[in-house]
Amino acid sequence: MQNRLSIVDKAYVNSVGISSIFQIGDSIDIVPLVKVYAVQREEEIFYDNEGDLRQYSIYEEQLPKPLITENIQTEFYHENPTIRVGAVKVIAISSSAVVQFGSTNTISAEARVKHIRHLRSRSEPS
């Protein structure tokens, strides 16, 4: 990985959330990881047994990684070793997302979200 100088004149980022990264400059490895368990209910009820992520296989399953079987050869020539950005406006970065101006060897991002909605049945009074 060739290091380069990153210059950003102006950056406006409204929100950087859950395990996300806004970075100006180089890095070796970026590994953001988030596990989210979200329950939304029409009634404000909390059960003591909620929130144990082990009861959901989504959080424990091994994620498949792509197998690269081809022999890939690359060659880069950077006439100007500078990354120059005039202005950037980012509304939101969330759930293991990366916004970067610079070089990175490896990015391995992972977001696992279990979202549950409990709604009253139409026959129940509000």
N, C-alpha and C. Protein backbone atom coordinates (compact mmCIF):
# COMPACT_ATOMS: atom_id res chain seq x y z
N MET A 1 0.84 -1.17 0.00
CA MET A 1 0.00 0.00 0.00
C MET A 1 0.89 1.24 0.00
N GLN A 2 0.63 2.12 -0.92
CA GLN A 2 1.39 3.37 -0.99
C GLN A 2 0.68 4.43 -0.17
N ASN A 3 1.41 5.05 0.73
CA ASN A 3 0.84 6.12 1.52
C ASN A 3 0.77 7.39 0.69
N ARG A 4 -0.31 8.13 0.87
CA ARG A 4 -0.47 9.40 0.18
C ARG A 4 -0.93 10.45 1.18
N LEU A 5 -0.70 11.69 0.84
CA LEU A 5 -1.14 12.80 1.65
C LEU A 5 -2.60 13.08 1.34
N SER A 6 -3.45 13.15 2.36
CA SER A 6 -4.88 13.43 2.17
C SER A 6 -5.17 14.84 2.68
N ILE A 7 -5.74 15.66 1.81
CA ILE A 7 -6.08 17.03 2.17
C ILE A 7 -7.57 17.24 1.91
N VAL A 8 -8.30 17.60 2.95
CA VAL A 8 -9.73 17.89 2.83
C VAL A 8 -9.91 19.32 3.33
N ASP A 9 -10.33 20.21 2.41
CA ASP A 9 -10.49 21.62 2.79
C ASP A 9 -11.64 21.82 3.76
N LYS A 10 -12.76 21.17 3.50
CA LYS A 10 -13.94 21.37 4.34
C LYS A 10 -14.73 20.07 4.41
N ALA A 11 -15.11 19.67 5.61
CA ALA A 11 -15.93 18.47 5.80
C ALA A 11 -17.06 18.78 6.78
N TYR A 12 -18.26 18.42 6.39
CA TYR A 12 -19.41 18.54 7.28
C TYR A 12 -20.01 17.15 7.40
N VAL A 13 -20.01 16.62 8.61
CA VAL A 13 -20.60 15.31 8.87
C VAL A 13 -21.65 15.51 9.95
N ASN A 14 -22.90 15.23 9.61
CA ASN A 14 -24.00 15.45 10.54
C ASN A 14 -24.02 14.41 11.65
N SER A 15 -23.75 13.14 11.29
CA SER A 15 -23.89 12.08 12.29
C SER A 15 -22.99 10.89 11.96
N VAL A 16 -22.21 10.46 12.94
CA VAL A 16 -21.44 9.23 12.83
C VAL A 16 -21.94 8.33 13.94
N GLY A 17 -22.52 7.19 13.56
CA GLY A 17 -23.17 6.34 14.54
C GLY A 17 -22.47 5.00 14.71
N ILE A 18 -23.17 4.14 15.37
CA ILE A 18 -22.79 2.81 15.79
C ILE A 18 -21.61 2.20 15.01
N SER A 19 -20.46 2.17 15.62
CA SER A 19 -19.26 1.50 15.09
C SER A 19 -18.87 1.96 13.69
N SER A 20 -19.06 3.23 13.40
CA SER A 20 -18.72 3.76 12.09
C SER A 20 -17.51 4.68 12.18
N ILE A 21 -16.91 4.95 11.02
CA ILE A 21 -15.65 5.68 11.00
C ILE A 21 -15.69 6.76 9.92
N PHE A 22 -15.26 7.96 10.28
CA PHE A 22 -14.97 9.02 9.33
C PHE A 22 -13.50 9.32 9.51
N GLN A 23 -12.71 9.08 8.47
CA GLN A 23 -11.27 9.19 8.62
C GLN A 23 -10.66 9.93 7.45
N ILE A 24 -9.79 10.85 7.79
CA ILE A 24 -8.98 11.52 6.78
C ILE A 24 -7.55 11.08 7.04
N GLY A 25 -6.99 10.35 6.07
CA GLY A 25 -5.63 9.84 6.21
C GLY A 25 -5.59 8.34 5.99
N ASP A 26 -4.39 7.81 6.01
CA ASP A 26 -4.17 6.40 5.72
C ASP A 26 -4.38 5.53 6.96
N SER A 27 -4.60 4.25 6.70
CA SER A 27 -4.71 3.27 7.78
C SER A 27 -4.24 1.92 7.24
N ILE A 28 -3.97 1.01 8.13
CA ILE A 28 -3.59 -0.34 7.73
C ILE A 28 -4.84 -1.20 7.61
N ASP A 29 -5.55 -1.38 8.71
CA ASP A 29 -6.76 -2.20 8.74
C ASP A 29 -7.87 -1.44 9.43
N ILE A 30 -9.06 -1.54 8.88
CA ILE A 30 -10.26 -0.98 9.51
C ILE A 30 -11.25 -2.13 9.67
N VAL A 31 -11.68 -2.36 10.92
CA VAL A 31 -12.56 -3.50 11.20
C VAL A 31 -13.71 -3.06 12.09
N PRO A 32 -14.67 -2.29 11.57
CA PRO A 32 -15.82 -1.93 12.39
C PRO A 32 -16.80 -3.11 12.49
N LEU A 33 -17.33 -3.33 13.68
CA LEU A 33 -18.25 -4.45 13.93
C LEU A 33 -19.34 -3.96 14.88
N VAL A 34 -20.58 -4.28 14.54
CA VAL A 34 -21.68 -3.93 15.43
C VAL A 34 -22.71 -5.06 15.44
N LYS A 35 -23.24 -5.31 16.63
CA LYS A 35 -24.34 -6.27 16.79
C LYS A 35 -25.49 -5.49 17.44
N VAL A 36 -26.62 -5.40 16.74
CA VAL A 36 -27.75 -4.60 17.20
C VAL A 36 -28.95 -5.51 17.44
N TYR A 37 -29.59 -5.29 18.57
CA TYR A 37 -30.84 -5.96 18.91
C TYR A 37 -31.84 -4.85 19.20
N ALA A 38 -32.81 -4.69 18.33
CA ALA A 38 -33.77 -3.59 18.47
C ALA A 38 -35.19 -4.13 18.55
N VAL A 39 -35.89 -3.73 19.59
CA VAL A 39 -37.28 -4.13 19.77
C VAL A 39 -38.12 -2.86 19.78
N GLN A 40 -39.14 -2.86 18.95
CA GLN A 40 -40.04 -1.71 18.87
C GLN A 40 -41.45 -2.20 19.20
N ARG A 41 -42.08 -1.53 20.16
CA ARG A 41 -43.42 -1.93 20.57
C ARG A 41 -44.34 -0.73 20.59
N GLU A 42 -45.61 -0.99 20.36
CA GLU A 42 -46.61 0.06 20.50
C GLU A 42 -46.86 0.37 21.97
N GLU A 43 -46.62 -0.61 22.85
CA GLU A 43 -46.77 -0.41 24.29
C GLU A 43 -45.40 -0.48 24.94
N GLU A 44 -45.18 0.34 25.95
CA GLU A 44 -43.89 0.36 26.64
C GLU A 44 -43.83 -0.77 27.65
N ILE A 45 -43.33 -1.92 27.19
CA ILE A 45 -43.20 -3.11 28.03
C ILE A 45 -41.78 -3.62 27.86
N PHE A 46 -41.14 -4.00 28.98
CA PHE A 46 -39.81 -4.59 28.92
C PHE A 46 -39.85 -5.93 29.63
N TYR A 47 -39.33 -6.96 28.98
CA TYR A 47 -39.25 -8.29 29.57
C TYR A 47 -37.81 -8.56 30.00
N ASP A 48 -37.65 -9.13 31.19
CA ASP A 48 -36.31 -9.35 31.75
C ASP A 48 -35.42 -10.24 30.89
N ASN A 49 -35.99 -11.14 30.13
CA ASN A 49 -35.18 -12.10 29.37
C ASN A 49 -34.76 -11.56 28.00
N GLU A 50 -35.03 -10.30 27.70
CA GLU A 50 -34.66 -9.73 26.41
C GLU A 50 -33.21 -9.27 26.41
N GLY A 51 -32.64 -9.28 25.25
CA GLY A 51 -31.30 -8.73 25.10
C GLY A 51 -30.18 -9.75 25.17
N ASP A 52 -30.48 -11.02 25.38
CA ASP A 52 -29.45 -12.05 25.36
C ASP A 52 -29.23 -12.45 23.90
N LEU A 53 -28.16 -11.95 23.32
CA LEU A 53 -27.91 -12.18 21.89
C LEU A 53 -27.63 -13.64 21.56
N ARG A 54 -27.26 -14.43 22.55
CA ARG A 54 -26.96 -15.85 22.30
C ARG A 54 -28.17 -16.63 21.83
N GLN A 55 -29.37 -16.12 22.09
CA GLN A 55 -30.57 -16.85 21.68
C GLN A 55 -30.87 -16.69 20.19
N TYR A 56 -30.12 -15.86 19.49
CA TYR A 56 -30.34 -15.65 18.06
C TYR A 56 -29.08 -16.07 17.29
N SER A 57 -29.25 -16.99 16.38
CA SER A 57 -28.10 -17.51 15.62
C SER A 57 -27.49 -16.46 14.70
N ILE A 58 -28.22 -15.41 14.36
CA ILE A 58 -27.69 -14.38 13.47
C ILE A 58 -26.40 -13.76 14.01
N TYR A 59 -26.25 -13.74 15.34
CA TYR A 59 -25.07 -13.13 15.94
C TYR A 59 -23.89 -14.09 16.04
N GLU A 60 -24.13 -15.37 15.90
CA GLU A 60 -23.08 -16.36 16.09
C GLU A 60 -22.60 -17.01 14.79
N GLU A 61 -23.42 -16.94 13.75
CA GLU A 61 -23.08 -17.62 12.50
C GLU A 61 -21.78 -17.08 11.92
N GLN A 62 -21.00 -17.99 11.35
CA GLN A 62 -19.77 -17.61 10.67
C GLN A 62 -20.17 -17.00 9.33
N LEU A 63 -19.68 -15.82 9.03
CA LEU A 63 -19.98 -15.21 7.75
C LEU A 63 -19.08 -15.77 6.67
N PRO A 64 -19.63 -16.09 5.51
CA PRO A 64 -18.79 -16.61 4.44
C PRO A 64 -17.87 -15.52 3.90
N LYS A 65 -16.64 -15.88 3.67
CA LYS A 65 -15.68 -14.96 3.08
C LYS A 65 -15.42 -15.41 1.65
N PRO A 66 -15.33 -14.47 0.73
CA PRO A 66 -15.09 -14.87 -0.66
C PRO A 66 -13.72 -15.51 -0.82
N LEU A 67 -13.68 -16.55 -1.60
CA LEU A 67 -12.41 -17.20 -1.90
C LEU A 67 -11.84 -16.59 -3.17
N ILE A 68 -10.65 -16.08 -3.06
CA ILE A 68 -9.99 -15.50 -4.23
C ILE A 68 -9.02 -16.55 -4.76
N THR A 69 -9.35 -17.10 -5.90
CA THR A 69 -8.52 -18.16 -6.47
C THR A 69 -7.66 -17.65 -7.63
N GLU A 70 -7.98 -16.46 -8.14
CA GLU A 70 -7.20 -15.93 -9.24
C GLU A 70 -5.92 -15.29 -8.72
N ASN A 71 -4.87 -15.39 -9.52
CA ASN A 71 -3.64 -14.69 -9.20
C ASN A 71 -3.76 -13.29 -9.78
N ILE A 72 -3.88 -12.29 -8.92
CA ILE A 72 -4.10 -10.92 -9.36
C ILE A 72 -2.80 -10.13 -9.18
N GLN A 73 -2.37 -9.52 -10.26
CA GLN A 73 -1.19 -8.67 -10.20
C GLN A 73 -1.62 -7.24 -10.51
N THR A 74 -1.19 -6.32 -9.67
CA THR A 74 -1.54 -4.92 -9.88
C THR A 74 -0.30 -4.06 -9.88
N GLU A 75 -0.41 -2.95 -10.54
CA GLU A 75 0.68 -1.98 -10.54
C GLU A 75 0.04 -0.59 -10.56
N PHE A 76 0.50 0.27 -9.68
CA PHE A 76 -0.08 1.61 -9.56
C PHE A 76 1.01 2.64 -9.76
N TYR A 77 0.64 3.69 -10.42
CA TYR A 77 1.53 4.84 -10.55
C TYR A 77 0.72 6.07 -10.20
N HIS A 78 1.10 6.70 -9.12
CA HIS A 78 0.41 7.90 -8.67
C HIS A 78 1.26 9.11 -9.06
N GLU A 79 0.84 9.76 -10.14
CA GLU A 79 1.59 10.92 -10.62
C GLU A 79 1.61 12.00 -9.55
N ASN A 80 0.49 12.14 -8.85
CA ASN A 80 0.39 13.12 -7.77
C ASN A 80 0.08 12.34 -6.49
N PRO A 81 1.00 12.26 -5.55
CA PRO A 81 0.76 11.45 -4.35
C PRO A 81 -0.13 12.14 -3.32
N THR A 82 -1.08 12.94 -3.78
CA THR A 82 -1.97 13.67 -2.88
C THR A 82 -3.42 13.39 -3.24
N ILE A 83 -4.24 13.12 -2.23
CA ILE A 83 -5.68 13.03 -2.40
C ILE A 83 -6.22 14.37 -1.93
N ARG A 84 -6.82 15.11 -2.84
CA ARG A 84 -7.31 16.45 -2.49
C ARG A 84 -8.82 16.51 -2.67
N VAL A 85 -9.51 16.92 -1.62
CA VAL A 85 -10.97 17.04 -1.64
C VAL A 85 -11.30 18.48 -1.25
N GLY A 86 -12.09 19.13 -2.09
CA GLY A 86 -12.48 20.51 -1.78
C GLY A 86 -13.44 20.56 -0.61
N ALA A 87 -14.59 19.91 -0.75
CA ALA A 87 -15.59 19.91 0.31
C ALA A 87 -16.42 18.64 0.21
N VAL A 88 -16.81 18.13 1.35
CA VAL A 88 -17.66 16.94 1.39
C VAL A 88 -18.74 17.18 2.45
N LYS A 89 -19.96 16.75 2.12
CA LYS A 89 -21.07 16.84 3.07
C LYS A 89 -21.65 15.44 3.22
N VAL A 90 -21.65 14.94 4.44
CA VAL A 90 -22.16 13.60 4.73
C VAL A 90 -23.32 13.75 5.70
N ILE A 91 -24.47 13.21 5.33
CA ILE A 91 -25.64 13.30 6.21
C ILE A 91 -25.52 12.33 7.37
N ALA A 92 -25.17 11.06 7.08
CA ALA A 92 -25.06 10.09 8.17
C ALA A 92 -24.18 8.92 7.76
N ILE A 93 -23.46 8.40 8.74
CA ILE A 93 -22.65 7.20 8.59
C ILE A 93 -23.08 6.29 9.74
N SER A 94 -23.57 5.08 9.43
CA SER A 94 -24.08 4.25 10.51
C SER A 94 -23.87 2.78 10.27
N SER A 95 -23.84 2.04 11.35
CA SER A 95 -23.79 0.57 11.36
C SER A 95 -22.60 0.01 10.60
N SER A 96 -21.42 0.23 11.13
CA SER A 96 -20.17 -0.30 10.60
C SER A 96 -19.82 0.24 9.22
N ALA A 97 -20.16 1.48 8.95
CA ALA A 97 -19.84 2.09 7.67
C ALA A 97 -18.53 2.87 7.78
N VAL A 98 -17.88 3.06 6.65
CA VAL A 98 -16.60 3.76 6.61
C VAL A 98 -16.63 4.82 5.52
N VAL A 99 -16.26 6.04 5.88
CA VAL A 99 -15.98 7.10 4.91
C VAL A 99 -14.53 7.48 5.14
N GLN A 100 -13.70 7.31 4.13
CA GLN A 100 -12.28 7.57 4.31
C GLN A 100 -11.70 8.27 3.09
N PHE A 101 -10.86 9.24 3.35
CA PHE A 101 -10.05 9.87 2.32
C PHE A 101 -8.61 9.49 2.63
N GLY A 102 -8.11 8.51 1.93
CA GLY A 102 -6.78 7.99 2.18
C GLY A 102 -6.69 6.57 1.69
N SER A 103 -5.58 5.94 2.00
CA SER A 103 -5.35 4.55 1.58
C SER A 103 -5.57 3.61 2.75
N THR A 104 -6.07 2.43 2.45
CA THR A 104 -6.28 1.39 3.45
C THR A 104 -5.90 0.06 2.85
N ASN A 105 -5.22 -0.74 3.62
CA ASN A 105 -4.86 -2.08 3.17
C ASN A 105 -6.09 -2.99 3.16
N THR A 106 -6.82 -3.03 4.28
CA THR A 106 -7.96 -3.93 4.41
C THR A 106 -9.09 -3.25 5.17
N ILE A 107 -10.31 -3.40 4.65
CA ILE A 107 -11.52 -3.00 5.38
C ILE A 107 -12.40 -4.24 5.48
N SER A 108 -12.76 -4.61 6.70
CA SER A 108 -13.65 -5.74 6.92
C SER A 108 -14.75 -5.27 7.87
N ALA A 109 -15.87 -4.84 7.29
CA ALA A 109 -16.96 -4.29 8.08
C ALA A 109 -18.08 -5.31 8.22
N GLU A 110 -18.71 -5.29 9.39
CA GLU A 110 -19.79 -6.25 9.66
C GLU A 110 -20.85 -5.61 10.52
N ALA A 111 -22.11 -5.74 10.10
CA ALA A 111 -23.25 -5.27 10.89
C ALA A 111 -24.27 -6.39 10.94
N ARG A 112 -24.67 -6.75 12.13
CA ARG A 112 -25.70 -7.77 12.33
C ARG A 112 -26.84 -7.13 13.11
N VAL A 113 -28.01 -7.11 12.50
CA VAL A 113 -29.15 -6.41 13.10
C VAL A 113 -30.33 -7.36 13.20
N LYS A 114 -30.88 -7.46 14.38
CA LYS A 114 -32.13 -8.20 14.62
C LYS A 114 -33.14 -7.16 15.06
N HIS A 115 -34.11 -6.90 14.22
CA HIS A 115 -35.12 -5.89 14.52
C HIS A 115 -36.47 -6.58 14.69
N ILE A 116 -37.08 -6.38 15.83
CA ILE A 116 -38.35 -7.02 16.15
C ILE A 116 -39.38 -5.93 16.38
N ARG A 117 -40.55 -6.10 15.79
CA ARG A 117 -41.65 -5.16 16.02
C ARG A 117 -42.82 -5.92 16.62
N HIS A 118 -43.27 -5.47 17.77
CA HIS A 118 -44.46 -6.04 18.40
C HIS A 118 -45.57 -5.02 18.26
N LEU A 119 -46.57 -5.38 17.47
CA LEU A 119 -47.71 -4.50 17.25
C LEU A 119 -48.95 -5.09 17.89
N ARG A 120 -49.81 -4.25 18.37
CA ARG A 120 -51.09 -4.71 18.90
C ARG A 120 -51.92 -5.27 17.76
N SER A 121 -52.69 -6.29 18.06
CA SER A 121 -53.59 -6.79 17.02
C SER A 121 -54.70 -5.76 16.81
N ARG A 122 -55.30 -5.78 15.67
CA ARG A 122 -56.34 -4.78 15.35
C ARG A 122 -57.55 -4.91 16.24
N SER A 123 -57.75 -6.07 16.86
CA SER A 123 -58.92 -6.26 17.72
C SER A 123 -58.69 -5.71 19.14
N GLU A 124 -57.43 -5.44 19.51
CA GLU A 124 -57.15 -4.91 20.86
C GLU A 124 -57.50 -3.42 20.92
N PRO A 125 -58.07 -2.99 22.05
CA PRO A 125 -58.34 -1.55 22.21
C PRO A 125 -57.03 -0.79 22.43
N SER A 126 -56.97 0.45 21.95
CA SER A 126 -55.73 1.23 22.13
C SER A 126 -55.69 1.96 23.43
